[in-house]
Amino acid sequence: MAKPKASKKEKLVKSTYVPDKICYIQSGKYAGKSIPELMFADYRFLQNEFKLIINRLFNLSPNEQKKMRLDHYLKISKSYTGNKSELHKNLEFYIGRGENNTPDKPGRIICPYCHKRPVHCFAFINHRSYGIYINPDYIVCEDKACKDRFKIDVFRYSQKCLDDRMFKFSMFAPSSIYLDDKNYFRDYVPKMTKLFAKVYNLPEQITPQIAYNFFTSS
């Protein structure tokens, strides 16, 4: 079988399959945990499981795996015409839906600066001494004027210890949950879960059913 080659830039592929029930992990450290729940609790684990399935199906070498991005894994997964396991279908759906649909998903709260547009991204501070800092209140729409006002507010309360280069803006997608591997579980999972809950009016305690409804709703 010819090995697929990753292009420099490809749009993520949306899945047409929609699970009609919650799928649970059957074995390993997350046995009994649901896939939609793990989209918030340990997205990296789901990514690794998904990539492992694709690596085996397409017999990808370690060198080829290093060159593959998540969007290309999704693309070749969609191209696979053989029988897919329930795990494969669910992982393809949730990862594809999370990376594609989450940023523009309906139900987002309104930007706290313009009070017109829904929030489009969140901001974090990448400080040279203290590392990455996330605050669930650091949310804004895509308008440049609102982003500039946000920066002014943060500067005001930080006693000017920051400079403009430290500000980064990221889309609302599960992959954003781990911006820094070093502090992945200690800091960022609970903070990012709280951020998603605030932006999409979800309870902070996200159950399997709440997560399932979130990802399967249009």
C-alpha atoms as a PDB file:
ATOM      1  CA  MET A   1       0.000   0.000   0.000  1.00  0.00           C
ATOM      2  CA  ALA A   2       1.338   3.435  -0.943  1.00  0.00           C
ATOM      3  CA  LYS A   3       2.163   5.510   2.088  1.00  0.00           C
ATOM      4  CA  PRO A   4       0.258   8.816   2.311  1.00  0.00           C
ATOM      5  CA  LYS A   5       2.365  11.966   2.399  1.00  0.00           C
ATOM      6  CA  ALA A   6       1.447  14.939   4.532  1.00  0.00           C
ATOM      7  CA  SER A   7       1.026  18.202   2.667  1.00  0.00           C
ATOM      8  CA  LYS A   8       2.277  21.432   4.204  1.00  0.00           C
ATOM      9  CA  LYS A   9      -1.195  22.650   5.076  1.00  0.00           C
ATOM     10  CA  GLU A  10      -4.489  20.792   4.942  1.00  0.00           C
ATOM     11  CA  LYS A  11      -7.834  21.694   6.445  1.00  0.00           C
ATOM     12  CA  LEU A  12      -9.067  19.302   9.092  1.00  0.00           C
ATOM     13  CA  VAL A  13     -11.618  16.817   7.809  1.00  0.00           C
ATOM     14  CA  LYS A  14     -15.049  16.702   9.405  1.00  0.00           C
ATOM     15  CA  SER A  15     -16.505  13.328  10.214  1.00  0.00           C
ATOM     16  CA  THR A  16     -19.918  12.340   8.797  1.00  0.00           C
ATOM     17  CA  TYR A  17     -20.373   9.609  11.409  1.00  0.00           C
ATOM     18  CA  VAL A  18     -22.207  10.676  14.571  1.00  0.00           C
ATOM     19  CA  PRO A  19     -22.272   8.192  17.482  1.00  0.00           C
ATOM     20  CA  ASP A  20     -25.774   7.391  18.733  1.00  0.00           C
ATOM     21  CA  LYS A  21     -24.560   6.490  22.208  1.00  0.00           C
ATOM     22  CA  ILE A  22     -21.665   7.173  24.545  1.00  0.00           C
ATOM     23  CA  CYS A  23     -18.593   5.042  23.859  1.00  0.00           C
ATOM     24  CA  TYR A  24     -16.463   3.909  26.805  1.00  0.00           C
ATOM     25  CA  ILE A  25     -12.824   2.828  26.961  1.00  0.00           C
ATOM     26  CA  GLN A  26     -12.731  -0.930  27.550  1.00  0.00           C
ATOM     27  CA  SER A  27      -9.264  -1.497  29.006  1.00  0.00           C
ATOM     28  CA  GLY A  28      -6.153   0.203  30.366  1.00  0.00           C
ATOM     29  CA  LYS A  29      -5.864   3.070  32.826  1.00  0.00           C
ATOM     30  CA  TYR A  30      -9.072   4.687  31.573  1.00  0.00           C
ATOM     31  CA  ALA A  31     -11.241   1.569  31.477  1.00  0.00           C
ATOM     32  CA  GLY A  32     -14.823   2.654  32.134  1.00  0.00           C
ATOM     33  CA  LYS A  33     -14.199   6.279  31.174  1.00  0.00           C
ATOM     34  CA  SER A  34     -16.110   7.750  28.246  1.00  0.00           C
ATOM     35  CA  ILE A  35     -14.445   9.170  25.152  1.00  0.00           C
ATOM     36  CA  PRO A  36     -16.396  12.471  25.233  1.00  0.00           C
ATOM     37  CA  GLU A  37     -15.437  12.918  28.891  1.00  0.00           C
ATOM     38  CA  LEU A  38     -11.762  12.309  28.064  1.00  0.00           C
ATOM     39  CA  MET A  39     -11.904  15.004  25.399  1.00  0.00           C
ATOM     40  CA  PHE A  40     -11.662  17.382  28.352  1.00  0.00           C
ATOM     41  CA  ALA A  41      -9.895  15.198  30.927  1.00  0.00           C
ATOM     42  CA  ASP A  42      -7.040  13.779  28.799  1.00  0.00           C
ATOM     43  CA  TYR A  43      -7.221  14.749  25.155  1.00  0.00           C
ATOM     44  CA  ARG A  44      -3.607  13.777  24.604  1.00  0.00           C
ATOM     45  CA  PHE A  45      -4.413  10.176  25.531  1.00  0.00           C
ATOM     46  CA  LEU A  46      -7.190  10.061  22.904  1.00  0.00           C
ATOM     47  CA  GLN A  47      -4.889  11.554  20.279  1.00  0.00           C
ATOM     48  CA  ASN A  48      -2.260   8.923  20.970  1.00  0.00           C
ATOM     49  CA  GLU A  49      -4.820   6.104  20.766  1.00  0.00           C
ATOM     50  CA  PHE A  50      -6.139   7.474  17.473  1.00  0.00           C
ATOM     51  CA  LYS A  51      -2.662   7.810  15.986  1.00  0.00           C
ATOM     52  CA  LEU A  52      -1.792   4.274  17.083  1.00  0.00           C
ATOM     53  CA  ILE A  53      -4.790   2.909  15.169  1.00  0.00           C
ATOM     54  CA  ILE A  54      -3.848   4.817  11.994  1.00  0.00           C
ATOM     55  CA  ASN A  55      -0.176   3.881  12.284  1.00  0.00           C
ATOM     56  CA  ARG A  56      -1.150   0.200  12.341  1.00  0.00           C
ATOM     57  CA  LEU A  57      -3.724   0.423   9.553  1.00  0.00           C
ATOM     58  CA  PHE A  58      -1.341   2.188   7.178  1.00  0.00           C
ATOM     59  CA  ASN A  59       1.828   0.544   8.488  1.00  0.00           C
ATOM     60  CA  LEU A  60       3.514   3.909   8.952  1.00  0.00           C
ATOM     61  CA  SER A  61       7.198   3.885   9.836  1.00  0.00           C
ATOM     62  CA  PRO A  62       8.502   5.838  12.854  1.00  0.00           C
ATOM     63  CA  ASN A  63      10.031   8.383  10.490  1.00  0.00           C
ATOM     64  CA  GLU A  64       6.706   8.881   8.697  1.00  0.00           C
ATOM     65  CA  GLN A  65       4.870   9.215  12.006  1.00  0.00           C
ATOM     66  CA  LYS A  66       7.140  12.091  13.034  1.00  0.00           C
ATOM     67  CA  LYS A  67       6.107  14.031   9.926  1.00  0.00           C
ATOM     68  CA  MET A  68       2.383  13.476  10.432  1.00  0.00           C
ATOM     69  CA  ARG A  69       0.217  16.172  11.959  1.00  0.00           C
ATOM     70  CA  LEU A  70      -3.165  15.592  13.542  1.00  0.00           C
ATOM     71  CA  ASP A  71      -5.016  17.060  10.562  1.00  0.00           C
ATOM     72  CA  HIS A  72      -3.338  14.563   8.243  1.00  0.00           C
ATOM     73  CA  TYR A  73      -4.157  11.655  10.553  1.00  0.00           C
ATOM     74  CA  LEU A  74      -7.799  12.708  10.339  1.00  0.00           C
ATOM     75  CA  LYS A  75      -7.625  12.999   6.551  1.00  0.00           C
ATOM     76  CA  ILE A  76      -6.230   9.526   5.933  1.00  0.00           C
ATOM     77  CA  SER A  77      -8.545   8.047   8.565  1.00  0.00           C
ATOM     78  CA  LYS A  78     -11.491   9.375   6.554  1.00  0.00           C
ATOM     79  CA  SER A  79      -9.999   7.872   3.405  1.00  0.00           C
ATOM     80  CA  TYR A  80      -9.849   4.376   4.908  1.00  0.00           C
ATOM     81  CA  THR A  81     -12.520   2.206   3.265  1.00  0.00           C
ATOM     82  CA  GLY A  82     -12.143  -0.936   5.364  1.00  0.00           C
ATOM     83  CA  ASN A  83     -14.110  -1.826   8.460  1.00  0.00           C
ATOM     84  CA  LYS A  84     -13.497   0.528  11.355  1.00  0.00           C
ATOM     85  CA  SER A  85     -13.835  -0.500  14.980  1.00  0.00           C
ATOM     86  CA  GLU A  86     -16.199   1.402  17.251  1.00  0.00           C
ATOM     87  CA  LEU A  87     -13.175   2.897  18.968  1.00  0.00           C
ATOM     88  CA  HIS A  88     -11.739   4.078  15.643  1.00  0.00           C
ATOM     89  CA  LYS A  89     -15.031   5.625  14.512  1.00  0.00           C
ATOM     90  CA  ASN A  90     -15.577   7.389  17.817  1.00  0.00           C
ATOM     91  CA  LEU A  91     -12.048   8.757  18.026  1.00  0.00           C
ATOM     92  CA  GLU A  92     -12.243  10.034  14.456  1.00  0.00           C
ATOM     93  CA  PHE A  93     -15.560  11.714  15.202  1.00  0.00           C
ATOM     94  CA  TYR A  94     -14.697  13.378  18.508  1.00  0.00           C
ATOM     95  CA  ILE A  95     -11.222  14.541  17.520  1.00  0.00           C
ATOM     96  CA  GLY A  96     -12.465  15.810  14.166  1.00  0.00           C
ATOM     97  CA  ARG A  97     -15.489  17.497  15.717  1.00  0.00           C
ATOM     98  CA  GLY A  98     -13.462  19.050  18.496  1.00  0.00           C
ATOM     99  CA  GLU A  99     -10.787  20.532  16.242  1.00  0.00           C
ATOM    100  CA  ASN A 100     -13.200  21.641  13.518  1.00  0.00           C
ATOM    101  CA  ASN A 101     -16.400  22.760  15.151  1.00  0.00           C
ATOM    102  CA  THR A 102     -15.492  23.936  18.621  1.00  0.00           C
ATOM    103  CA  PRO A 103     -14.221  27.447  17.725  1.00  0.00           C
ATOM    104  CA  ASP A 104     -17.491  28.509  16.034  1.00  0.00           C
ATOM    105  CA  LYS A 105     -19.896  26.319  17.979  1.00  0.00           C
ATOM    106  CA  PRO A 106     -23.166  28.110  18.887  1.00  0.00           C
ATOM    107  CA  GLY A 107     -23.849  28.970  22.500  1.00  0.00           C
ATOM    108  CA  ARG A 108     -20.689  30.927  23.210  1.00  0.00           C
ATOM    109  CA  ILE A 109     -20.934  33.851  25.586  1.00  0.00           C
ATOM    110  CA  ILE A 110     -20.606  37.401  24.285  1.00  0.00           C
ATOM    111  CA  CYS A 111     -17.307  39.285  24.236  1.00  0.00           C
ATOM    112  CA  PRO A 112     -16.909  41.283  27.475  1.00  0.00           C
ATOM    113  CA  TYR A 113     -15.487  44.247  25.541  1.00  0.00           C
ATOM    114  CA  CYS A 114     -17.766  44.935  22.578  1.00  0.00           C
ATOM    115  CA  HIS A 115     -20.815  43.159  24.066  1.00  0.00           C
ATOM    116  CA  LYS A 116     -21.834  42.227  20.510  1.00  0.00           C
ATOM    117  CA  ARG A 117     -19.759  39.397  19.067  1.00  0.00           C
ATOM    118  CA  PRO A 118     -19.379  35.925  20.602  1.00  0.00           C
ATOM    119  CA  VAL A 119     -15.983  35.191  22.122  1.00  0.00           C
ATOM    120  CA  HIS A 120     -13.699  33.678  19.525  1.00  0.00           C
ATOM    121  CA  CYS A 121     -10.441  32.917  21.311  1.00  0.00           C
ATOM    122  CA  PHE A 122      -8.739  32.943  24.657  1.00  0.00           C
ATOM    123  CA  ALA A 123      -5.512  34.632  25.650  1.00  0.00           C
ATOM    124  CA  PHE A 124      -2.631  33.319  27.666  1.00  0.00           C
ATOM    125  CA  ILE A 125       0.594  34.867  28.830  1.00  0.00           C
ATOM    126  CA  ASN A 126       3.886  33.165  28.018  1.00  0.00           C
ATOM    127  CA  HIS A 127       6.163  34.801  30.581  1.00  0.00           C
ATOM    128  CA  ARG A 128       9.900  34.292  30.183  1.00  0.00           C
ATOM    129  CA  SER A 129      10.356  33.701  33.924  1.00  0.00           C
ATOM    130  CA  TYR A 130       7.081  32.216  35.125  1.00  0.00           C
ATOM    131  CA  GLY A 131       5.969  30.160  32.115  1.00  0.00           C
ATOM    132  CA  ILE A 132       2.444  29.995  30.718  1.00  0.00           C
ATOM    133  CA  TYR A 133      -0.387  31.610  32.656  1.00  0.00           C
ATOM    134  CA  ILE A 134      -4.065  30.932  31.890  1.00  0.00           C
ATOM    135  CA  ASN A 135      -7.047  32.749  33.346  1.00  0.00           C
ATOM    136  CA  PRO A 136     -10.637  31.707  32.467  1.00  0.00           C
ATOM    137  CA  ASP A 137     -11.507  35.414  32.275  1.00  0.00           C
ATOM    138  CA  TYR A 138      -9.031  36.010  29.449  1.00  0.00           C
ATOM    139  CA  ILE A 139     -11.531  35.612  26.624  1.00  0.00           C
ATOM    140  CA  VAL A 140     -12.271  37.935  23.729  1.00  0.00           C
ATOM    141  CA  CYS A 141     -13.813  38.074  20.258  1.00  0.00           C
ATOM    142  CA  GLU A 142     -11.732  38.152  17.077  1.00  0.00           C
ATOM    143  CA  ASP A 143     -11.877  41.944  16.690  1.00  0.00           C
ATOM    144  CA  LYS A 144      -8.468  43.641  17.004  1.00  0.00           C
ATOM    145  CA  ALA A 145      -9.874  46.573  18.973  1.00  0.00           C
ATOM    146  CA  CYS A 146     -11.236  44.215  21.624  1.00  0.00           C
ATOM    147  CA  LYS A 147      -7.927  42.351  21.833  1.00  0.00           C
ATOM    148  CA  ASP A 148      -6.096  45.643  22.292  1.00  0.00           C
ATOM    149  CA  ARG A 149      -8.486  46.691  25.075  1.00  0.00           C
ATOM    150  CA  PHE A 150      -7.952  43.328  26.744  1.00  0.00           C
ATOM    151  CA  LYS A 151      -4.180  43.855  26.743  1.00  0.00           C
ATOM    152  CA  ILE A 152      -4.567  47.315  28.261  1.00  0.00           C
ATOM    153  CA  ASP A 153      -6.643  45.839  31.095  1.00  0.00           C
ATOM    154  CA  VAL A 154      -4.062  43.161  31.836  1.00  0.00           C
ATOM    155  CA  PHE A 155      -1.219  45.672  31.722  1.00  0.00           C
ATOM    156  CA  ARG A 156      -3.077  47.866  34.197  1.00  0.00           C
ATOM    157  CA  TYR A 157      -3.390  45.124  36.800  1.00  0.00           C
ATOM    158  CA  SER A 158       0.041  43.581  36.238  1.00  0.00           C
ATOM    159  CA  GLN A 159       1.958  46.778  37.059  1.00  0.00           C
ATOM    160  CA  LYS A 160       3.485  46.738  33.588  1.00  0.00           C
ATOM    161  CA  CYS A 161       5.569  43.640  34.241  1.00  0.00           C
ATOM    162  CA  LEU A 162       4.516  42.249  30.864  1.00  0.00           C
ATOM    163  CA  ASP A 163       5.326  43.204  27.330  1.00  0.00           C
ATOM    164  CA  ASP A 164       3.226  42.780  24.206  1.00  0.00           C
ATOM    165  CA  ARG A 165       5.260  39.837  22.889  1.00  0.00           C
ATOM    166  CA  MET A 166       4.169  37.685  25.840  1.00  0.00           C
ATOM    167  CA  PHE A 167       0.507  37.675  24.808  1.00  0.00           C
ATOM    168  CA  LYS A 168      -0.694  34.757  22.731  1.00  0.00           C
ATOM    169  CA  PHE A 169      -4.195  34.057  21.444  1.00  0.00           C
ATOM    170  CA  SER A 170      -5.509  30.552  20.802  1.00  0.00           C
ATOM    171  CA  MET A 171      -8.705  29.090  19.371  1.00  0.00           C
ATOM    172  CA  PHE A 172     -11.132  27.099  21.482  1.00  0.00           C
ATOM    173  CA  ALA A 173     -10.128  23.551  20.600  1.00  0.00           C
ATOM    174  CA  PRO A 174      -9.315  20.552  22.815  1.00  0.00           C
ATOM    175  CA  SER A 175      -5.709  20.579  21.583  1.00  0.00           C
ATOM    176  CA  SER A 176      -5.306  23.916  23.340  1.00  0.00           C
ATOM    177  CA  ILE A 177      -5.762  22.165  26.675  1.00  0.00           C
ATOM    178  CA  TYR A 178      -2.084  21.263  26.783  1.00  0.00           C
ATOM    179  CA  LEU A 179      -0.072  24.322  25.887  1.00  0.00           C
ATOM    180  CA  ASP A 180       2.809  23.202  28.062  1.00  0.00           C
ATOM    181  CA  ASP A 181       3.674  19.526  28.564  1.00  0.00           C
ATOM    182  CA  LYS A 182       5.521  20.182  31.822  1.00  0.00           C
ATOM    183  CA  ASN A 183       2.420  21.411  33.633  1.00  0.00           C
ATOM    184  CA  TYR A 184      -0.157  19.521  31.572  1.00  0.00           C
ATOM    185  CA  PHE A 185      -1.999  17.664  34.337  1.00  0.00           C
ATOM    186  CA  ARG A 186      -1.056  19.869  37.283  1.00  0.00           C
ATOM    187  CA  ASP A 187      -2.371  23.157  35.954  1.00  0.00           C
ATOM    188  CA  TYR A 188      -3.836  23.210  32.507  1.00  0.00           C
ATOM    189  CA  VAL A 189      -6.498  20.511  32.405  1.00  0.00           C
ATOM    190  CA  PRO A 190      -8.577  22.003  35.259  1.00  0.00           C
ATOM    191  CA  LYS A 191      -8.028  25.569  34.049  1.00  0.00           C
ATOM    192  CA  MET A 192      -8.898  24.805  30.437  1.00  0.00           C
ATOM    193  CA  THR A 193     -11.926  22.738  31.458  1.00  0.00           C
ATOM    194  CA  LYS A 194     -13.120  25.705  33.492  1.00  0.00           C
ATOM    195  CA  LEU A 195     -12.477  27.959  30.492  1.00  0.00           C
ATOM    196  CA  PHE A 196     -14.543  25.770  28.155  1.00  0.00           C
ATOM    197  CA  ALA A 197     -17.309  25.575  30.768  1.00  0.00           C
ATOM    198  CA  LYS A 198     -17.469  29.354  31.028  1.00  0.00           C
ATOM    199  CA  VAL A 199     -17.359  30.061  27.295  1.00  0.00           C
ATOM    200  CA  TYR A 200     -20.034  27.508  26.358  1.00  0.00           C
ATOM    201  CA  ASN A 201     -22.203  27.829  29.472  1.00  0.00           C
ATOM    202  CA  LEU A 202     -21.395  24.332  30.685  1.00  0.00           C
ATOM    203  CA  PRO A 203     -21.224  23.193  34.302  1.00  0.00           C
ATOM    204  CA  GLU A 204     -17.681  23.003  35.633  1.00  0.00           C
ATOM    205  CA  GLN A 205     -18.191  19.308  36.438  1.00  0.00           C
ATOM    206  CA  ILE A 206     -18.490  17.878  32.931  1.00  0.00           C
ATOM    207  CA  THR A 207     -20.181  14.468  32.959  1.00  0.00           C
ATOM    208  CA  PRO A 208     -20.047  11.924  30.097  1.00  0.00           C
ATOM    209  CA  GLN A 209     -23.588  12.907  29.031  1.00  0.00           C
ATOM    210  CA  ILE A 210     -22.831  16.641  29.067  1.00  0.00           C
ATOM    211  CA  ALA A 211     -19.659  16.084  27.024  1.00  0.00           C
ATOM    212  CA  TYR A 212     -21.500  13.781  24.596  1.00  0.00           C
ATOM    213  CA  ASN A 213     -24.252  16.373  24.058  1.00  0.00           C
ATOM    214  CA  PHE A 214     -21.673  19.116  23.586  1.00  0.00           C
ATOM    215  CA  PHE A 215     -19.807  17.351  20.787  1.00  0.00           C
ATOM    216  CA  THR A 216     -22.757  15.706  19.030  1.00  0.00           C
ATOM    217  CA  SER A 217     -24.942  18.843  18.884  1.00  0.00           C
ATOM    218  CA  SER A 218     -24.571  20.965  15.757  1.00  0.00           C
END
